[in-house]
Amino acid sequence: MTDELSLPLLARECELSVAQFSRAFKRSTGLPPYQFLLERRVEHAKQLLRSSELPLADVAISCGFADQSHFTKVFRRRIGQSPGSFRAEARSSRGLRR
């Protein structure tokens, strides 16, 4: 998640141009490469928020976001709530199940 993979490198590995790779990737996954990566990062963040006590800044970095601000912005846009609210809700749900 945190490794820098460039589209040119991935395209070259597949022996395709960047445009061909991007089109093929979107056909295969339904999302452009960058959006696909953001979705994976957000899903990983959700798992960490549910299962760890890491500070939000550390969750952001461990999921490959540049900083907590960018993480929060992307998370809120995709999930509809802030990472802190998501964590609090997950904690209260866990408490209700016990």
PDB file of N, CA and C in Angstrom:
ATOM      1  N   MET A   1       0.804  -1.199   0.000  1.00  0.00           N
ATOM      2  CA  MET A   1       0.000   0.000   0.000  1.00  0.00           C
ATOM      3  C   MET A   1       0.849   1.265   0.000  1.00  0.00           C
ATOM      4  N   THR A   2       1.969   1.203   0.630  1.00  0.00           N
ATOM      5  CA  THR A   2       2.772   2.418   0.730  1.00  0.00           C
ATOM      6  C   THR A   2       3.854   2.497  -0.334  1.00  0.00           C
ATOM      7  N   ASP A   3       4.094   1.423  -1.057  1.00  0.00           N
ATOM      8  CA  ASP A   3       5.107   1.450  -2.109  1.00  0.00           C
ATOM      9  C   ASP A   3       4.644   2.313  -3.261  1.00  0.00           C
ATOM     10  N   GLU A   4       5.578   3.031  -3.830  1.00  0.00           N
ATOM     11  CA  GLU A   4       5.260   3.868  -4.974  1.00  0.00           C
ATOM     12  C   GLU A   4       5.362   3.034  -6.249  1.00  0.00           C
ATOM     13  N   LEU A   5       4.223   2.775  -6.846  1.00  0.00           N
ATOM     14  CA  LEU A   5       4.179   2.100  -8.136  1.00  0.00           C
ATOM     15  C   LEU A   5       3.679   3.109  -9.152  1.00  0.00           C
ATOM     16  N   SER A   6       4.444   3.306 -10.188  1.00  0.00           N
ATOM     17  CA  SER A   6       4.014   4.275 -11.192  1.00  0.00           C
ATOM     18  C   SER A   6       3.279   3.571 -12.320  1.00  0.00           C
ATOM     19  N   LEU A   7       2.367   4.294 -12.943  1.00  0.00           N
ATOM     20  CA  LEU A   7       1.656   3.737 -14.097  1.00  0.00           C
ATOM     21  C   LEU A   7       2.618   3.365 -15.217  1.00  0.00           C
ATOM     22  N   PRO A   8       3.607   4.208 -15.516  1.00  0.00           N
ATOM     23  CA  PRO A   8       4.551   3.810 -16.573  1.00  0.00           C
ATOM     24  C   PRO A   8       5.253   2.484 -16.278  1.00  0.00           C
ATOM     25  N   LEU A   9       5.632   2.274 -15.022  1.00  0.00           N
ATOM     26  CA  LEU A   9       6.294   1.020 -14.650  1.00  0.00           C
ATOM     27  C   LEU A   9       5.345  -0.165 -14.826  1.00  0.00           C
ATOM     28  N   LEU A  10       4.131  -0.035 -14.322  1.00  0.00           N
ATOM     29  CA  LEU A  10       3.154  -1.121 -14.455  1.00  0.00           C
ATOM     30  C   LEU A  10       2.836  -1.405 -15.924  1.00  0.00           C
ATOM     31  N   ALA A  11       2.650  -0.341 -16.696  1.00  0.00           N
ATOM     32  CA  ALA A  11       2.355  -0.505 -18.123  1.00  0.00           C
ATOM     33  C   ALA A  11       3.507  -1.203 -18.834  1.00  0.00           C
ATOM     34  N   ARG A  12       4.713  -0.790 -18.514  1.00  0.00           N
ATOM     35  CA  ARG A  12       5.898  -1.399 -19.138  1.00  0.00           C
ATOM     36  C   ARG A  12       5.976  -2.883 -18.797  1.00  0.00           C
ATOM     37  N   GLU A  13       5.684  -3.243 -17.532  1.00  0.00           N
ATOM     38  CA  GLU A  13       5.697  -4.649 -17.126  1.00  0.00           C
ATOM     39  C   GLU A  13       4.681  -5.481 -17.913  1.00  0.00           C
ATOM     40  N   CYS A  14       3.584  -4.846 -18.301  1.00  0.00           N
ATOM     41  CA  CYS A  14       2.535  -5.535 -19.069  1.00  0.00           C
ATOM     42  C   CYS A  14       2.735  -5.382 -20.578  1.00  0.00           C
ATOM     43  N   GLU A  15       3.824  -4.714 -20.933  1.00  0.00           N
ATOM     44  CA  GLU A  15       4.133  -4.452 -22.336  1.00  0.00           C
ATOM     45  C   GLU A  15       3.001  -3.706 -23.042  1.00  0.00           C
ATOM     46  N   LEU A  16       2.484  -2.669 -22.344  1.00  0.00           N
ATOM     47  CA  LEU A  16       1.428  -1.819 -22.871  1.00  0.00           C
ATOM     48  C   LEU A  16       1.825  -0.357 -22.695  1.00  0.00           C
ATOM     49  N   SER A  17       1.198   0.511 -23.467  1.00  0.00           N
ATOM     50  CA  SER A  17       1.371   1.940 -23.209  1.00  0.00           C
ATOM     51  C   SER A  17       0.586   2.275 -21.946  1.00  0.00           C
ATOM     52  N   VAL A  18       0.844   3.437 -21.377  1.00  0.00           N
ATOM     53  CA  VAL A  18       0.133   3.856 -20.173  1.00  0.00           C
ATOM     54  C   VAL A  18      -1.367   3.936 -20.455  1.00  0.00           C
ATOM     55  N   ALA A  19      -1.732   4.493 -21.602  1.00  0.00           N
ATOM     56  CA  ALA A  19      -3.152   4.618 -21.956  1.00  0.00           C
ATOM     57  C   ALA A  19      -3.798   3.240 -22.118  1.00  0.00           C
ATOM     58  N   GLN A  20      -3.111   2.325 -22.789  1.00  0.00           N
ATOM     59  CA  GLN A  20      -3.655   0.968 -22.963  1.00  0.00           C
ATOM     60  C   GLN A  20      -3.801   0.272 -21.623  1.00  0.00           C
ATOM     61  N   PHE A  21      -2.793   0.410 -20.767  1.00  0.00           N
ATOM     62  CA  PHE A  21      -2.851  -0.210 -19.448  1.00  0.00           C
ATOM     63  C   PHE A  21      -4.027   0.344 -18.648  1.00  0.00           C
ATOM     64  N   SER A  22      -4.167   1.659 -18.640  1.00  0.00           N
ATOM     65  CA  SER A  22      -5.248   2.297 -17.876  1.00  0.00           C
ATOM     66  C   SER A  22      -6.616   1.837 -18.357  1.00  0.00           C
ATOM     67  N   ARG A  23      -6.801   1.763 -19.673  1.00  0.00           N
ATOM     68  CA  ARG A  23      -8.085   1.293 -20.211  1.00  0.00           C
ATOM     69  C   ARG A  23      -8.335  -0.163 -19.841  1.00  0.00           C
ATOM     70  N   ALA A  24      -7.327  -0.994 -19.987  1.00  0.00           N
ATOM     71  CA  ALA A  24      -7.480  -2.419 -19.659  1.00  0.00           C
ATOM     72  C   ALA A  24      -7.746  -2.602 -18.163  1.00  0.00           C
ATOM     73  N   PHE A  25      -7.069  -1.830 -17.343  1.00  0.00           N
ATOM     74  CA  PHE A  25      -7.261  -1.914 -15.899  1.00  0.00           C
ATOM     75  C   PHE A  25      -8.692  -1.543 -15.537  1.00  0.00           C
ATOM     76  N   LYS A  26      -9.183  -0.460 -16.125  1.00  0.00           N
ATOM     77  CA  LYS A  26     -10.547  -0.026 -15.832  1.00  0.00           C
ATOM     78  C   LYS A  26     -11.566  -1.044 -16.315  1.00  0.00           C
ATOM     79  N   ARG A  27     -11.328  -1.637 -17.467  1.00  0.00           N
ATOM     80  CA  ARG A  27     -12.232  -2.690 -17.961  1.00  0.00           C
ATOM     81  C   ARG A  27     -12.246  -3.873 -17.000  1.00  0.00           C
ATOM     82  N   SER A  28     -11.101  -4.216 -16.459  1.00  0.00           N
ATOM     83  CA  SER A  28     -10.991  -5.379 -15.572  1.00  0.00           C
ATOM     84  C   SER A  28     -11.555  -5.141 -14.178  1.00  0.00           C
ATOM     85  N   THR A  29     -11.344  -3.944 -13.646  1.00  0.00           N
ATOM     86  CA  THR A  29     -11.717  -3.690 -12.257  1.00  0.00           C
ATOM     87  C   THR A  29     -12.926  -2.771 -12.093  1.00  0.00           C
ATOM     88  N   GLY A  30     -13.251  -2.049 -13.146  1.00  0.00           N
ATOM     89  CA  GLY A  30     -14.347  -1.088 -13.060  1.00  0.00           C
ATOM     90  C   GLY A  30     -13.917   0.283 -12.583  1.00  0.00           C
ATOM     91  N   LEU A  31     -12.651   0.410 -12.220  1.00  0.00           N
ATOM     92  CA  LEU A  31     -12.122   1.685 -11.728  1.00  0.00           C
ATOM     93  C   LEU A  31     -10.793   2.000 -12.395  1.00  0.00           C
ATOM     94  N   PRO A  32     -10.503   3.284 -12.582  1.00  0.00           N
ATOM     95  CA  PRO A  32      -9.154   3.648 -13.041  1.00  0.00           C
ATOM     96  C   PRO A  32      -8.134   3.254 -11.965  1.00  0.00           C
ATOM     97  N   PRO A  33      -6.879   3.074 -12.337  1.00  0.00           N
ATOM     98  CA  PRO A  33      -5.869   2.616 -11.372  1.00  0.00           C
ATOM     99  C   PRO A  33      -5.807   3.438 -10.087  1.00  0.00           C
ATOM    100  N   TYR A  34      -5.813   4.760 -10.186  1.00  0.00           N
ATOM    101  CA  TYR A  34      -5.692   5.584  -8.981  1.00  0.00           C
ATOM    102  C   TYR A  34      -6.903   5.405  -8.075  1.00  0.00           C
ATOM    103  N   GLN A  35      -8.095   5.369  -8.632  1.00  0.00           N
ATOM    104  CA  GLN A  35      -9.301   5.182  -7.829  1.00  0.00           C
ATOM    105  C   GLN A  35      -9.307   3.803  -7.169  1.00  0.00           C
ATOM    106  N   PHE A  36      -8.857   2.797  -7.897  1.00  0.00           N
ATOM    107  CA  PHE A  36      -8.755   1.439  -7.353  1.00  0.00           C
ATOM    108  C   PHE A  36      -7.829   1.436  -6.134  1.00  0.00           C
ATOM    109  N   LEU A  37      -6.674   2.101  -6.276  1.00  0.00           N
ATOM    110  CA  LEU A  37      -5.717   2.167  -5.171  1.00  0.00           C
ATOM    111  C   LEU A  37      -6.315   2.893  -3.969  1.00  0.00           C
ATOM    112  N   LEU A  38      -7.023   3.999  -4.209  1.00  0.00           N
ATOM    113  CA  LEU A  38      -7.665   4.715  -3.098  1.00  0.00           C
ATOM    114  C   LEU A  38      -8.675   3.827  -2.385  1.00  0.00           C
ATOM    115  N   GLU A  39      -9.456   3.076  -3.144  1.00  0.00           N
ATOM    116  CA  GLU A  39     -10.433   2.166  -2.524  1.00  0.00           C
ATOM    117  C   GLU A  39      -9.737   1.147  -1.627  1.00  0.00           C
ATOM    118  N   ARG A  40      -8.639   0.565  -2.105  1.00  0.00           N
ATOM    119  CA  ARG A  40      -7.903  -0.414  -1.299  1.00  0.00           C
ATOM    120  C   ARG A  40      -7.351   0.240  -0.040  1.00  0.00           C
ATOM    121  N   ARG A  41      -6.829   1.456  -0.183  1.00  0.00           N
ATOM    122  CA  ARG A  41      -6.274   2.158   0.978  1.00  0.00           C
ATOM    123  C   ARG A  41      -7.357   2.453   2.013  1.00  0.00           C
ATOM    124  N   VAL A  42      -8.517   2.878   1.562  1.00  0.00           N
ATOM    125  CA  VAL A  42      -9.618   3.174   2.484  1.00  0.00           C
ATOM    126  C   VAL A  42     -10.093   1.894   3.172  1.00  0.00           C
ATOM    127  N   GLU A  43     -10.191   0.801   2.437  1.00  0.00           N
ATOM    128  CA  GLU A  43     -10.599  -0.472   3.053  1.00  0.00           C
ATOM    129  C   GLU A  43      -9.593  -0.915   4.106  1.00  0.00           C
ATOM    130  N   HIS A  44      -8.313  -0.747   3.815  1.00  0.00           N
ATOM    131  CA  HIS A  44      -7.275  -1.095   4.791  1.00  0.00           C
ATOM    132  C   HIS A  44      -7.385  -0.188   6.016  1.00  0.00           C
ATOM    133  N   ALA A  45      -7.640   1.094   5.787  1.00  0.00           N
ATOM    134  CA  ALA A  45      -7.795   2.038   6.897  1.00  0.00           C
ATOM    135  C   ALA A  45      -8.989   1.646   7.768  1.00  0.00           C
ATOM    136  N   LYS A  46     -10.090   1.260   7.154  1.00  0.00           N
ATOM    137  CA  LYS A  46     -11.261   0.841   7.934  1.00  0.00           C
ATOM    138  C   LYS A  46     -10.902  -0.330   8.844  1.00  0.00           C
ATOM    139  N   GLN A  47     -10.164  -1.274   8.315  1.00  0.00           N
ATOM    140  CA  GLN A  47      -9.762  -2.437   9.113  1.00  0.00           C
ATOM    141  C   GLN A  47      -8.882  -2.002  10.282  1.00  0.00           C
ATOM    142  N   LEU A  48      -7.924  -1.111  10.020  1.00  0.00           N
ATOM    143  CA  LEU A  48      -7.056  -0.625  11.095  1.00  0.00           C
ATOM    144  C   LEU A  48      -7.834   0.180  12.125  1.00  0.00           C
ATOM    145  N   LEU A  49      -8.778   0.982  11.686  1.00  0.00           N
ATOM    146  CA  LEU A  49      -9.573   1.780  12.615  1.00  0.00           C
ATOM    147  C   LEU A  49     -10.427   0.897  13.518  1.00  0.00           C
ATOM    148  N   ARG A  50     -10.894  -0.211  12.967  1.00  0.00           N
ATOM    149  CA  ARG A  50     -11.699  -1.149  13.770  1.00  0.00           C
ATOM    150  C   ARG A  50     -10.851  -1.931  14.769  1.00  0.00           C
ATOM    151  N   SER A  51      -9.623  -2.266  14.369  1.00  0.00           N
ATOM    152  CA  SER A  51      -8.871  -3.259  15.133  1.00  0.00           C
ATOM    153  C   SER A  51      -7.644  -2.733  15.882  1.00  0.00           C
ATOM    154  N   SER A  52      -7.306  -1.468  15.726  1.00  0.00           N
ATOM    155  CA  SER A  52      -6.091  -0.977  16.380  1.00  0.00           C
ATOM    156  C   SER A  52      -6.365   0.318  17.126  1.00  0.00           C
ATOM    157  N   GLU A  53      -5.403   0.679  17.931  1.00  0.00           N
ATOM    158  CA  GLU A  53      -5.455   1.939  18.670  1.00  0.00           C
ATOM    159  C   GLU A  53      -4.491   2.952  18.068  1.00  0.00           C
ATOM    160  N   LEU A  54      -4.002   2.693  16.861  1.00  0.00           N
ATOM    161  CA  LEU A  54      -3.063   3.615  16.223  1.00  0.00           C
ATOM    162  C   LEU A  54      -3.674   5.005  16.101  1.00  0.00           C
ATOM    163  N   PRO A  55      -2.877   6.041  16.326  1.00  0.00           N
ATOM    164  CA  PRO A  55      -3.361   7.394  16.070  1.00  0.00           C
ATOM    165  C   PRO A  55      -3.741   7.544  14.593  1.00  0.00           C
ATOM    166  N   LEU A  56      -4.672   8.442  14.307  1.00  0.00           N
ATOM    167  CA  LEU A  56      -5.135   8.613  12.926  1.00  0.00           C
ATOM    168  C   LEU A  56      -3.995   8.948  11.974  1.00  0.00           C
ATOM    169  N   ALA A  57      -3.032   9.733  12.418  1.00  0.00           N
ATOM    170  CA  ALA A  57      -1.894  10.076  11.559  1.00  0.00           C
ATOM    171  C   ALA A  57      -1.118   8.820  11.175  1.00  0.00           C
ATOM    172  N   ASP A  58      -0.965   7.884  12.107  1.00  0.00           N
ATOM    173  CA  ASP A  58      -0.245   6.640  11.814  1.00  0.00           C
ATOM    174  C   ASP A  58      -1.056   5.735  10.890  1.00  0.00           C
ATOM    175  N   VAL A  59      -2.366   5.716  11.066  1.00  0.00           N
ATOM    176  CA  VAL A  59      -3.230   4.950  10.155  1.00  0.00           C
ATOM    177  C   VAL A  59      -3.063   5.508   8.745  1.00  0.00           C
ATOM    178  N   ALA A  60      -3.096   6.825   8.632  1.00  0.00           N
ATOM    179  CA  ALA A  60      -2.958   7.476   7.330  1.00  0.00           C
ATOM    180  C   ALA A  60      -1.659   7.061   6.651  1.00  0.00           C
ATOM    181  N   ILE A  61      -0.561   7.174   7.360  1.00  0.00           N
ATOM    182  CA  ILE A  61       0.754   6.852   6.783  1.00  0.00           C
ATOM    183  C   ILE A  61       0.850   5.367   6.449  1.00  0.00           C
ATOM    184  N   SER A  62       0.353   4.505   7.321  1.00  0.00           N
ATOM    185  CA  SER A  62       0.469   3.068   7.070  1.00  0.00           C
ATOM    186  C   SER A  62      -0.409   2.607   5.897  1.00  0.00           C
ATOM    187  N   CYS A  63      -1.384   3.424   5.525  1.00  0.00           N
ATOM    188  CA  CYS A  63      -2.242   3.092   4.381  1.00  0.00           C
ATOM    189  C   CYS A  63      -1.788   3.781   3.098  1.00  0.00           C
ATOM    190  N   GLY A  64      -0.697   4.528   3.181  1.00  0.00           N
ATOM    191  CA  GLY A  64      -0.133   5.134   1.975  1.00  0.00           C
ATOM    192  C   GLY A  64      -0.598   6.541   1.665  1.00  0.00           C
ATOM    193  N   PHE A  65      -1.308   7.178   2.603  1.00  0.00           N
ATOM    194  CA  PHE A  65      -1.711   8.565   2.383  1.00  0.00           C
ATOM    195  C   PHE A  65      -0.562   9.485   2.767  1.00  0.00           C
ATOM    196  N   ALA A  66      -0.507  10.636   2.121  1.00  0.00           N
ATOM    197  CA  ALA A  66       0.591  11.574   2.366  1.00  0.00           C
ATOM    198  C   ALA A  66       0.565  12.107   3.791  1.00  0.00           C
ATOM    199  N   ASP A  67      -0.631  12.358   4.306  1.00  0.00           N
ATOM    200  CA  ASP A  67      -0.763  12.892   5.657  1.00  0.00           C
ATOM    201  C   ASP A  67      -2.193  12.677   6.145  1.00  0.00           C
ATOM    202  N   GLN A  68      -2.424  13.028   7.410  1.00  0.00           N
ATOM    203  CA  GLN A  68      -3.737  12.802   8.008  1.00  0.00           C
ATOM    204  C   GLN A  68      -4.816  13.639   7.329  1.00  0.00           C
ATOM    205  N   SER A  69      -4.479  14.823   6.894  1.00  0.00           N
ATOM    206  CA  SER A  69      -5.451  15.700   6.245  1.00  0.00           C
ATOM    207  C   SER A  69      -5.981  15.086   4.948  1.00  0.00           C
ATOM    208  N   HIS A  70      -5.071  14.594   4.137  1.00  0.00           N
ATOM    209  CA  HIS A  70      -5.475  13.952   2.877  1.00  0.00           C
ATOM    210  C   HIS A  70      -6.292  12.693   3.162  1.00  0.00           C
ATOM    211  N   PHE A  71      -5.840  11.919   4.115  1.00  0.00           N
ATOM    212  CA  PHE A  71      -6.552  10.715   4.523  1.00  0.00           C
ATOM    213  C   PHE A  71      -7.986  11.039   4.941  1.00  0.00           C
ATOM    214  N   THR A  72      -8.134  12.035   5.802  1.00  0.00           N
ATOM    215  CA  THR A  72      -9.459  12.405   6.298  1.00  0.00           C
ATOM    216  C   THR A  72     -10.363  12.863   5.158  1.00  0.00           C
ATOM    217  N   LYS A  73      -9.821  13.650   4.268  1.00  0.00           N
ATOM    218  CA  LYS A  73     -10.599  14.153   3.129  1.00  0.00           C
ATOM    219  C   LYS A  73     -11.087  13.004   2.249  1.00  0.00           C
ATOM    220  N   VAL A  74     -10.196  12.088   1.896  1.00  0.00           N
ATOM    221  CA  VAL A  74     -10.558  10.942   1.051  1.00  0.00           C
ATOM    222  C   VAL A  74     -11.526  10.022   1.783  1.00  0.00           C
ATOM    223  N   PHE A  75     -11.248   9.741   3.039  1.00  0.00           N
ATOM    224  CA  PHE A  75     -12.092   8.835   3.831  1.00  0.00           C
ATOM    225  C   PHE A  75     -13.510   9.379   3.934  1.00  0.00           C
ATOM    226  N   ARG A  76     -13.631  10.664   4.256  1.00  0.00           N
ATOM    227  CA  ARG A  76     -14.951  11.276   4.403  1.00  0.00           C
ATOM    228  C   ARG A  76     -15.711  11.241   3.075  1.00  0.00           C
ATOM    229  N   ARG A  77     -15.024  11.511   1.970  1.00  0.00           N
ATOM    230  CA  ARG A  77     -15.663  11.494   0.659  1.00  0.00           C
ATOM    231  C   ARG A  77     -16.158  10.091   0.310  1.00  0.00           C
ATOM    232  N   ARG A  78     -15.404   9.074   0.663  1.00  0.00           N
ATOM    233  CA  ARG A  78     -15.763   7.704   0.296  1.00  0.00           C
ATOM    234  C   ARG A  78     -16.741   7.048   1.271  1.00  0.00           C
ATOM    235  N   ILE A  79     -16.589   7.312   2.552  1.00  0.00           N
ATOM    236  CA  ILE A  79     -17.357   6.614   3.586  1.00  0.00           C
ATOM    237  C   ILE A  79     -18.509   7.464   4.122  1.00  0.00           C
ATOM    238  N   GLY A  80     -18.388   8.776   4.001  1.00  0.00           N
ATOM    239  CA  GLY A  80     -19.462   9.647   4.462  1.00  0.00           C
ATOM    240  C   GLY A  80     -19.322  10.101   5.904  1.00  0.00           C
ATOM    241  N   GLN A  81     -18.210   9.772   6.515  1.00  0.00           N
ATOM    242  CA  GLN A  81     -17.926  10.231   7.877  1.00  0.00           C
ATOM    243  C   GLN A  81     -16.418  10.286   8.066  1.00  0.00           C
ATOM    244  N   SER A  82     -16.005  11.009   9.071  1.00  0.00           N
ATOM    245  CA  SER A  82     -14.573  11.131   9.329  1.00  0.00           C
ATOM    246  C   SER A  82     -14.022   9.819   9.883  1.00  0.00           C
ATOM    247  N   PRO A  83     -12.702   9.616   9.761  1.00  0.00           N
ATOM    248  CA  PRO A  83     -12.103   8.410  10.349  1.00  0.00           C
ATOM    249  C   PRO A  83     -12.343   8.317  11.853  1.00  0.00           C
ATOM    250  N   GLY A  84     -12.283   9.441  12.558  1.00  0.00           N
ATOM    251  CA  GLY A  84     -12.527   9.421  14.005  1.00  0.00           C
ATOM    252  C   GLY A  84     -13.946   8.989  14.339  1.00  0.00           C
ATOM    253  N   SER A  85     -14.909   9.479  13.579  1.00  0.00           N
ATOM    254  CA  SER A  85     -16.312   9.077  13.793  1.00  0.00           C
ATOM    255  C   SER A  85     -16.501   7.602  13.465  1.00  0.00           C
ATOM    256  N   PHE A  86     -15.857   7.164  12.393  1.00  0.00           N
ATOM    257  CA  PHE A  86     -15.950   5.752  12.011  1.00  0.00           C
ATOM    258  C   PHE A  86     -15.415   4.863  13.130  1.00  0.00           C
ATOM    259  N   ARG A  87     -14.259   5.253  13.684  1.00  0.00           N
ATOM    260  CA  ARG A  87     -13.653   4.475  14.771  1.00  0.00           C
ATOM    261  C   ARG A  87     -14.569   4.458  15.995  1.00  0.00           C
ATOM    262  N   ALA A  88     -15.101   5.597  16.362  1.00  0.00           N
ATOM    263  CA  ALA A  88     -15.983   5.672  17.535  1.00  0.00           C
ATOM    264  C   ALA A  88     -17.218   4.805  17.323  1.00  0.00           C
ATOM    265  N   GLU A  89     -17.784   4.844  16.137  1.00  0.00           N
ATOM    266  CA  GLU A  89     -18.960   4.018  15.844  1.00  0.00           C
ATOM    267  C   GLU A  89     -18.614   2.534  15.892  1.00  0.00           C
ATOM    268  N   ALA A  90     -17.453   2.169  15.342  1.00  0.00           N
ATOM    269  CA  ALA A  90     -17.020   0.771  15.375  1.00  0.00           C
ATOM    270  C   ALA A  90     -16.815   0.305  16.816  1.00  0.00           C
ATOM    271  N   ARG A  91     -16.251   1.154  17.642  1.00  0.00           N
ATOM    272  CA  ARG A  91     -16.032   0.805  19.049  1.00  0.00           C
ATOM    273  C   ARG A  91     -17.358   0.625  19.777  1.00  0.00           C
ATOM    274  N   SER A  92     -18.318   1.521  19.526  1.00  0.00           N
ATOM    275  CA  SER A  92     -19.600   1.406  20.216  1.00  0.00           C
ATOM    276  C   SER A  92     -20.361   0.179  19.727  1.00  0.00           C
ATOM    277  N   SER A  93     -20.227  -0.175  18.461  1.00  0.00           N
ATOM    278  CA  SER A  93     -20.853  -1.392  17.935  1.00  0.00           C
ATOM    279  C   SER A  93     -20.263  -2.628  18.578  1.00  0.00           C
ATOM    280  N   ARG A  94     -18.954  -2.639  18.762  1.00  0.00           N
ATOM    281  CA  ARG A  94     -18.286  -3.775  19.409  1.00  0.00           C
ATOM    282  C   ARG A  94     -18.781  -3.915  20.828  1.00  0.00           C
ATOM    283  N   GLY A  95     -18.938  -2.787  21.500  1.00  0.00           N
ATOM    284  CA  GLY A  95     -19.389  -2.807  22.888  1.00  0.00           C
ATOM    285  C   GLY A  95     -20.802  -3.331  23.015  1.00  0.00           C
ATOM    286  N   LEU A  96     -21.640  -3.056  22.026  1.00  0.00           N
ATOM    287  CA  LEU A  96     -23.023  -3.524  22.065  1.00  0.00           C
ATOM    288  C   LEU A  96     -23.112  -5.029  21.818  1.00  0.00           C
ATOM    289  N   ARG A  97     -22.148  -5.587  21.116  1.00  0.00           N
ATOM    290  CA  ARG A  97     -22.188  -7.016  20.787  1.00  0.00           C
ATOM    291  C   ARG A  97     -21.714  -7.885  21.935  1.00  0.00           C
ATOM    292  N   ARG A  98     -21.035  -7.315  22.884  1.00  0.00           N
ATOM    293  CA  ARG A  98     -20.461  -8.123  23.978  1.00  0.00           C
ATOM    294  C   ARG A  98     -21.502  -8.656  24.895  1.00  0.00           C
TER     295      ARG A  98
END
